[in-house]
Protein backbone atom coordinates (compact mmCIF):
# COMPACT_ATOMS: atom_id res chain seq x y z
CA MET A 1 64.82 112.07 76.04
CA GLU A 2 64.34 111.42 79.72
CA LEU A 3 66.51 109.47 82.14
CA LYS A 4 65.17 108.23 85.45
CA PRO A 5 67.58 107.14 88.20
CA ILE A 6 66.84 103.62 89.44
CA GLY A 7 68.93 103.97 92.58
CA THR A 8 71.86 105.60 94.33
CA ILE A 9 75.49 104.51 94.68
CA HIS A 10 76.91 104.90 98.20
CA THR A 11 80.71 105.08 98.50
CA PRO A 12 83.25 106.61 100.93
CA TYR A 13 84.42 108.98 98.18
CA ARG A 14 83.20 112.52 98.79
CA THR A 15 85.38 114.30 96.22
CA SER A 16 87.26 113.25 93.10
CA GLY A 17 90.45 113.40 95.15
CA ASP A 18 89.10 110.66 97.44
CA ALA A 19 88.28 108.24 94.62
CA PRO A 20 90.81 105.71 93.25
CA PHE A 21 92.23 106.31 89.76
CA GLN A 22 90.57 103.13 88.53
CA GLY A 23 87.78 101.56 90.56
CA ARG A 24 88.79 98.10 89.36
CA PHE A 25 91.91 98.28 91.52
CA SER A 26 89.96 99.27 94.64
CA SER A 27 89.07 96.67 97.26
CA GLU A 28 86.62 99.04 98.99
CA THR A 29 83.16 97.52 99.48
CA CYS A 30 80.38 99.94 98.50
CA GLU A 31 76.59 99.78 98.26
CA ILE A 32 73.97 100.35 95.61
CA GLU A 33 70.52 101.24 96.91
CA ILE A 34 67.85 100.37 94.34
CA PHE A 35 64.64 102.36 94.66
CA LYS A 36 61.75 100.21 95.90
CA GLU A 37 59.71 100.61 92.71
CA TYR A 38 62.53 98.92 90.74
CA GLU A 39 63.35 96.15 93.24
CA ASP A 40 61.53 93.48 91.22
CA GLY A 41 64.12 94.04 88.48
CA LEU A 42 66.75 92.50 90.77
CA LYS A 43 65.32 88.98 90.49
CA ASN A 44 68.19 86.47 89.90
CA ILE A 45 70.84 89.20 90.04
CA ASP A 46 72.53 87.32 92.87
CA GLN A 47 73.49 84.70 90.26
CA CYS A 48 75.72 87.28 88.55
CA SER A 49 79.35 87.61 89.67
CA HIS A 50 79.92 90.98 87.99
CA LEU A 51 77.66 93.84 86.95
CA ILE A 52 77.87 96.63 84.40
CA LEU A 53 76.88 99.85 86.13
CA LEU A 54 75.70 102.91 84.22
CA TYR A 55 75.46 106.05 86.31
CA TRP A 56 75.15 109.80 85.95
CA LEU A 57 78.29 111.74 86.88
CA ASP A 58 76.36 114.61 88.39
CA ARG A 59 79.44 116.54 89.51
CA ALA A 60 81.29 116.34 86.18
CA ASP A 61 81.90 119.24 83.78
CA ASN A 62 79.74 118.66 80.68
CA ARG A 63 81.42 121.48 78.72
CA VAL A 64 84.67 119.57 78.14
CA LEU A 65 85.46 118.15 74.68
CA GLN A 66 89.22 117.67 74.97
CA THR A 67 91.25 116.66 77.98
CA HIS A 68 94.53 115.43 79.44
CA THR A 69 94.76 111.99 81.04
CA PRO A 70 97.21 110.69 83.68
CA CYS A 71 98.68 108.32 81.07
CA ASP A 72 100.52 110.79 78.85
CA ALA A 73 101.06 114.49 78.17
CA ASP A 74 98.95 114.68 75.00
CA ILE A 75 95.47 116.17 74.61
CA HIS A 76 92.73 113.75 73.55
CA GLY A 77 89.09 114.10 72.64
CA VAL A 78 86.89 113.04 75.55
CA PHE A 79 85.23 110.37 73.38
CA ALA A 80 88.63 108.66 73.09
CA THR A 81 89.12 108.66 76.88
CA ARG A 82 87.41 107.54 80.09
CA SER A 83 87.30 111.09 81.44
CA PRO A 84 84.22 111.78 83.62
CA ASN A 85 83.97 115.26 82.06
CA ARG A 86 81.97 115.00 78.80
CA PRO A 87 78.76 116.39 77.22
CA ASN A 88 76.63 113.56 78.63
CA PRO A 89 78.55 112.49 81.77
CA ILE A 90 77.52 108.85 81.85
CA GLY A 91 79.73 106.59 83.93
CA PHE A 92 80.35 102.98 82.92
CA HIS A 93 81.90 100.45 85.24
CA VAL A 94 82.18 96.71 85.77
CA ALA A 95 81.92 95.90 89.49
CA GLU A 96 82.04 92.66 91.45
CA LEU A 97 78.78 91.73 93.16
CA ILE A 98 79.46 90.59 96.71
CA LYS A 99 75.95 90.17 98.07
CA ARG A 100 72.34 91.20 97.63
CA GLU A 101 70.34 92.25 100.70
CA GLY A 102 66.83 93.12 99.56
CA ASN A 103 67.07 96.29 97.50
CA VAL A 104 70.74 96.84 98.43
CA LEU A 105 73.64 95.43 96.44
CA ARG A 106 77.07 95.23 98.05
CA ILE A 107 79.74 95.65 95.37
CA LYS A 108 83.50 95.95 95.09
CA GLY A 109 85.65 97.84 92.61
CA VAL A 110 83.93 101.14 91.86
CA ASP A 111 85.17 104.74 91.72
CA ALA A 112 81.88 106.70 91.72
CA LEU A 113 81.44 109.51 94.22
CA ASP A 114 79.01 109.10 97.09
CA LYS A 115 75.32 109.56 96.23
CA THR A 116 75.89 109.20 92.49
CA PRO A 117 72.58 108.54 90.65
CA LEU A 118 72.41 105.03 89.13
CA ILE A 119 70.89 104.81 85.65
CA ASP A 120 70.97 101.09 84.84
CA ILE A 121 72.46 97.69 85.67
CA LYS A 122 73.32 94.92 83.23
CA PRO A 123 75.00 91.55 83.90
CA TYR A 124 78.61 91.36 82.73
CA SER A 125 79.66 88.27 80.74
CA SER A 126 83.27 87.58 79.85
CA GLY A 127 82.05 85.51 76.89
CA ILE A 128 79.89 88.30 75.46
CA ASP A 129 81.50 91.53 76.64
CA ALA A 130 85.24 90.74 76.68
CA ILE A 131 87.04 91.23 73.34
CA SER A 132 90.56 89.93 73.82
CA ASP A 133 92.20 91.86 70.96
CA ALA A 134 90.48 95.22 71.65
CA ASN A 135 92.80 98.18 72.19
CA ILE A 136 93.01 101.95 72.47
CA GLY A 137 95.81 103.03 70.16
CA TRP A 138 97.08 106.10 71.99
CA PHE A 139 96.75 104.36 75.37
CA GLU A 140 98.68 101.30 74.21
CA LYS A 141 101.46 103.57 72.98
CA ALA A 142 101.50 105.65 76.16
CA THR A 143 101.67 102.55 78.38
CA GLU A 144 103.78 100.39 76.09
CA GLY A 145 105.06 97.39 77.99
CA ASP A 146 102.25 97.37 80.53
CA GLN A 147 101.28 93.99 81.94
CA THR A 148 98.02 92.77 83.37
CA ASN A 149 99.46 92.62 86.87
CA GLY A 150 102.03 95.40 86.67
CA ASN A 151 103.35 98.12 84.41
CA SER A 152 106.33 98.90 82.23
CA TYR A 153 108.00 101.00 84.89
CA ARG A 154 108.09 98.15 87.43
CA ALA A 155 108.03 95.21 85.04
CA ASP A 156 111.63 94.29 85.79
CA ILE A 157 111.07 94.46 89.56
CA GLU A 158 107.83 92.48 89.38
CA GLU A 159 109.65 89.83 87.36
CA LEU A 160 112.45 89.67 89.95
CA ILE A 161 109.82 89.21 92.68
CA LYS A 162 108.07 86.51 90.67
CA GLU A 163 111.36 84.66 90.14
CA GLY A 164 112.45 85.11 93.77
CA ASP A 165 115.64 86.83 92.57
CA LEU A 166 116.65 88.57 95.79
CA ILE A 167 120.13 89.47 94.54
CA GLY A 168 118.54 91.15 91.54
CA LEU A 169 116.27 93.11 93.89
CA LEU A 170 119.27 94.05 96.02
CA LYS A 171 121.05 95.38 92.94
CA LYS A 172 118.00 97.48 92.05
CA THR A 173 117.97 98.84 95.61
CA GLY A 174 121.66 99.66 95.25
CA GLU A 175 120.72 102.03 92.40
CA LEU A 176 118.68 104.03 94.90
CA HIS A 177 120.71 103.50 98.06
CA GLY A 178 124.14 103.93 96.51
CA HIS A 179 125.75 100.79 97.97
CA PHE A 180 125.02 97.40 99.49
CA CYS A 181 124.57 97.09 103.24
CA SER A 182 122.85 94.72 105.61
CA HIS A 183 119.91 96.97 106.50
CA SER A 184 119.02 97.76 102.89
CA ALA A 185 119.17 93.97 102.32
CA TYR A 186 116.82 93.47 105.29
CA GLY A 187 114.42 95.88 103.55
CA VAL A 188 114.71 93.95 100.28
CA LYS A 189 113.95 90.66 102.00
CA ALA A 190 111.06 92.07 104.06
CA GLY A 191 109.53 93.78 101.03
CA TYR A 192 109.87 90.60 98.98
CA ILE A 193 108.22 88.47 101.67
CA ALA A 194 105.28 90.86 101.92
CA MET A 195 104.72 91.19 98.17
CA ARG A 196 105.04 87.43 97.71
CA GLU A 197 102.81 86.36 100.58
CA LEU A 198 100.11 88.97 99.95
CA GLY A 199 100.18 88.31 96.20
CA MET A 200 100.45 91.98 95.29
CA THR A 201 101.74 94.07 92.43
CA ASN A 202 102.00 97.85 92.46
CA THR A 203 101.16 100.40 89.78
CA GLY A 204 101.87 103.35 92.08
CA MET A 205 98.19 104.17 92.52
CA GLU A 206 98.03 103.47 96.28
CA GLU A 207 96.76 99.90 95.92
CA VAL A 208 99.70 98.85 98.11
CA VAL A 209 100.70 100.80 101.25
CA ALA A 210 103.88 100.38 103.29
CA ILE A 211 104.20 101.72 106.83
CA VAL A 212 107.89 101.97 107.80
CA GLU A 213 108.95 102.46 111.40
CA THR A 214 112.47 103.70 110.72
CA ASN A 215 114.36 106.08 108.45
CA ASN A 216 117.48 103.92 108.19
CA CYS A 217 118.76 101.96 105.17
CA PHE A 218 115.97 99.40 105.62
CA SER A 219 113.42 101.86 104.23
CA ASP A 220 115.18 102.10 100.85
CA GLY A 221 114.89 98.34 100.35
CA ILE A 222 111.19 98.57 101.22
CA GLN A 223 110.57 101.43 98.80
CA MET A 224 112.33 99.77 95.88
CA VAL A 225 110.75 96.33 96.24
CA THR A 226 107.20 97.37 97.18
CA GLY A 227 107.10 100.47 94.96
CA CYS A 228 105.68 102.51 97.87
CA SER A 229 107.09 106.02 98.17
CA PHE A 230 106.26 109.44 99.56
CA GLY A 231 105.80 110.69 96.01
CA ASN A 232 103.02 108.22 95.15
CA ASN A 233 101.38 108.66 98.58
CA SER A 234 101.72 105.01 99.57
CA LEU A 235 104.60 105.26 102.06
CA ILE A 236 103.70 106.10 105.65
CA TYR A 237 106.49 106.93 108.11
CA ARG A 238 106.11 106.36 111.83
CA ASP A 239 109.07 107.60 113.83
CA TYR A 240 109.37 104.55 116.09
CA GLY A 241 113.04 103.86 115.42
CA LYS A 242 112.33 100.16 114.77
CA THR A 243 113.58 98.18 111.78
CA ALA A 244 110.08 97.09 110.86
CA VAL A 245 107.43 97.56 108.19
CA THR A 246 103.75 96.82 107.72
CA VAL A 247 102.73 96.21 104.10
CA ALA A 248 99.00 96.24 103.38
CA LYS A 249 96.41 95.86 100.68
CA ARG A 250 93.58 98.36 100.38
CA ASP A 251 91.19 95.92 102.06
CA GLY A 252 93.36 96.06 105.20
CA THR A 253 94.99 92.65 104.76
CA ALA A 254 98.52 93.22 106.03
CA MET A 255 101.80 91.78 107.25
CA ARG A 256 104.07 93.37 109.83
CA ILE A 257 107.68 92.25 109.45
CA ALA A 258 110.23 93.21 112.12
CA LEU A 259 113.95 92.44 112.26
CA ASN A 260 114.90 89.80 114.83
CA PRO A 261 117.37 91.53 117.22
CA ASP A 262 119.18 88.26 117.85
CA PHE A 263 119.95 87.91 114.15
CA GLU A 264 121.03 91.55 113.90
CA GLU A 265 123.43 91.16 116.82
CA SER A 266 124.88 87.98 115.32
CA ARG A 267 126.17 89.98 112.35
CA SER A 268 128.56 91.91 114.57
CA GLU A 269 129.88 88.67 115.99
CA LYS A 270 130.30 87.05 112.56
CA TYR A 271 131.80 90.13 110.88
CA PRO A 272 133.91 91.86 113.56
CA GLU A 273 136.09 93.58 110.96
CA ALA A 274 133.07 95.13 109.24
CA ASN A 275 131.71 96.23 112.60
CA ALA A 276 135.04 97.88 113.54
CA LEU A 277 135.22 99.71 110.23
CA PHE A 278 131.62 100.85 110.61
CA GLU A 279 132.37 102.25 114.07
CA LYS A 280 135.37 104.16 112.76
CA ILE A 281 134.02 105.46 109.45
CA VAL A 282 130.29 105.91 110.07
CA VAL A 283 129.81 106.25 113.82
CA ARG A 284 132.91 108.28 114.77
CA ARG A 285 133.28 109.89 111.31
CA GLU A 286 137.03 109.40 111.31
CA GLU A 287 138.83 109.86 108.00
CA PRO A 288 139.36 106.40 106.44
CA THR A 289 142.03 105.33 104.04
CA PRO A 290 140.85 104.35 100.54
CA GLU A 291 141.69 100.76 101.40
CA GLU A 292 139.52 100.86 104.54
CA THR A 293 136.55 102.25 102.61
CA ALA A 294 136.91 99.63 99.89
CA ARG A 295 137.22 96.86 102.48
CA MET A 296 134.09 97.98 104.34
CA MET A 297 132.09 98.06 101.10
CA GLN A 298 133.38 94.59 100.20
CA LEU A 299 132.38 93.18 103.58
CA TYR A 300 128.98 94.89 103.41
CA ARG A 301 128.37 93.29 100.05
CA GLU A 302 129.24 89.85 101.42
CA MET A 303 127.02 90.34 104.47
CA SER A 304 124.11 91.56 102.36
CA ILE A 305 124.18 88.67 99.91
CA GLU A 306 124.60 86.11 102.69
CA LEU A 307 121.64 87.28 104.76
CA LEU A 308 119.34 87.05 101.73
CA ASP A 309 119.62 83.27 102.08
CA ALA A 310 118.69 83.29 105.78
CA ASP A 311 115.46 81.57 106.81
CA ASP A 312 112.57 84.04 107.04
CA SER A 313 111.69 82.98 110.58
CA GLU A 314 115.31 83.35 111.70
CA LEU A 315 115.60 86.81 110.22
CA PHE A 316 112.24 88.35 111.15
CA THR A 317 109.19 88.13 113.33
CA ILE A 318 106.23 88.06 110.94
CA GLU A 319 102.66 88.85 111.93
CA ARG A 320 99.61 88.67 109.68
CA LYS A 321 96.97 91.21 110.66
CA THR A 322 94.12 93.39 109.47
CA ILE A 323 94.53 97.15 109.72
CA THR A 324 92.56 100.26 108.83
CA LEU A 325 94.29 102.32 106.17
CA PRO A 326 93.86 106.04 105.59
CA LYS A 327 91.74 107.03 102.61
CA TYR A 328 93.30 107.67 99.24
CA ALA A 329 95.40 110.84 99.27
CA PRO A 330 93.29 113.91 98.47
CA ILE A 331 94.38 116.36 95.78
CA PHE A 332 94.80 119.88 97.13
CA ALA A 333 94.74 123.10 95.16
CA SER A 334 97.78 125.38 94.98
CA VAL A 335 97.80 128.93 96.27
CA ARG A 336 100.37 131.58 95.35
CA CYS A 337 102.35 133.06 98.23
CA SER A 338 101.82 136.82 98.41
CA ILE A 339 105.47 137.40 99.35
CA CYS A 340 107.71 135.08 97.30
CA GLY A 341 105.18 134.35 94.55
CA GLU A 342 105.70 130.60 94.62
CA ASN A 343 102.81 128.14 94.62
CA VAL A 344 102.12 126.30 97.85
CA MET A 345 99.66 123.54 98.74
CA GLU A 346 96.54 125.18 100.16
CA THR A 347 96.73 123.13 103.38
CA ARG A 348 100.15 124.63 104.14
CA VAL A 349 99.21 128.27 103.59
CA ARG A 350 99.42 130.75 106.48
CA MET A 351 97.33 133.92 106.41
CA ARG A 352 99.09 137.19 107.21
CA ASP A 353 97.07 140.44 107.03
CA GLY A 354 94.41 138.57 105.07
CA LYS A 355 96.90 137.37 102.42
CA PRO A 356 98.21 133.82 101.79
CA VAL A 357 101.82 133.28 102.80
CA CYS A 358 103.98 130.15 102.56
CA ILE A 359 105.61 128.69 105.68
CA PRO A 360 109.17 129.98 104.99
CA CYS A 361 107.93 133.51 104.34
CA ALA A 362 105.75 133.32 107.45
CA HIS A 363 108.73 132.05 109.52
CA ASP A 364 106.30 129.56 111.02
CA ASP A 365 106.97 126.27 112.82
CA HIS A 366 107.03 123.19 110.62
CA TYR A 367 108.04 119.55 110.66
CA ALA A 368 111.41 118.54 109.25
CA MET A 369 112.94 115.11 108.65
CA TYR A 370 116.61 114.53 109.41
CA GLY A 371 118.73 111.47 110.01
CA SER A 372 117.79 111.62 113.68
CA GLY A 373 114.07 111.51 112.83
CA LEU A 374 111.22 113.99 112.80
CA CYS A 375 111.55 117.33 114.56
CA ILE A 376 109.86 120.72 114.65
CA GLU A 377 111.89 123.69 113.48
CA ARG A 378 111.33 127.30 112.62
């Protein structure tokens, strides 16, 4: 049996760590270069909206027969998974055709690495190829409750966004933040506006990115509503000290939402008692009575719920824009520290006498995040 490549797939993904978990969720535009001798086979392909791509995963491990997946902790046979590592590493993907330019096809929604050999192209038809009741038993069980535009872990939040239930979103944020306050409510409202206007859902696979410009309570509302966090590599922190956020899709479509200072200052005027209690308890750190603490929390709750009803344009300045996002987060190997024996990300290793050492054992400078912002400490 002989396979002949008919072209090459060109993508920005150099390593598996660069590629998205599922190409379907990527908005990156890539190119397929069809070799000249096969260009005649592209006749009428521009009448197809989607294409089935078959390609050779030339950097996969063809010795693997069983594997883990990101969906659960069980081991599965590779023939029951989409793992790229398999005896004959053939990739299969349905991509959107954007445009044909001679022997080059511009496509969207692919996860192949750069310079992957293309084996074949077939037109995709929802009438022929889509089987509505098809399922993968173990996958359905592992992702029970998943929705087309969300997942079981954020289903309740996505439903609250869909219904415009800002109080429900504020309550969810309270689970993370520990209480209600005006700035966490600002974050809830800003996150809701962005997710609503950009028409996004989030599965935690970096398809949505939030860039926060502050480390105050606002950021917790943003994290809860958008689903962007440091842990899933979709939260970017810029130490500007501004109550503002930019929420973006992978194609760079974005909204920057910043708190209107006039509205913020009006809260102090409308709630002088809450402001006085805040100054005493939080700013000056004076010991409050139980009654004072309870009263401040009550007033904060009232303020938070009230501002959720404020007009968007009164509350924020909102700017639609296009930005350039960083690539998907790479996956780094771990290296064992020669002193303490703990694993450390390879990019954080320091070499001492030719041996890998972690930052604490090396007593080296590093960044730290405190309430005052980023700093360098040793």
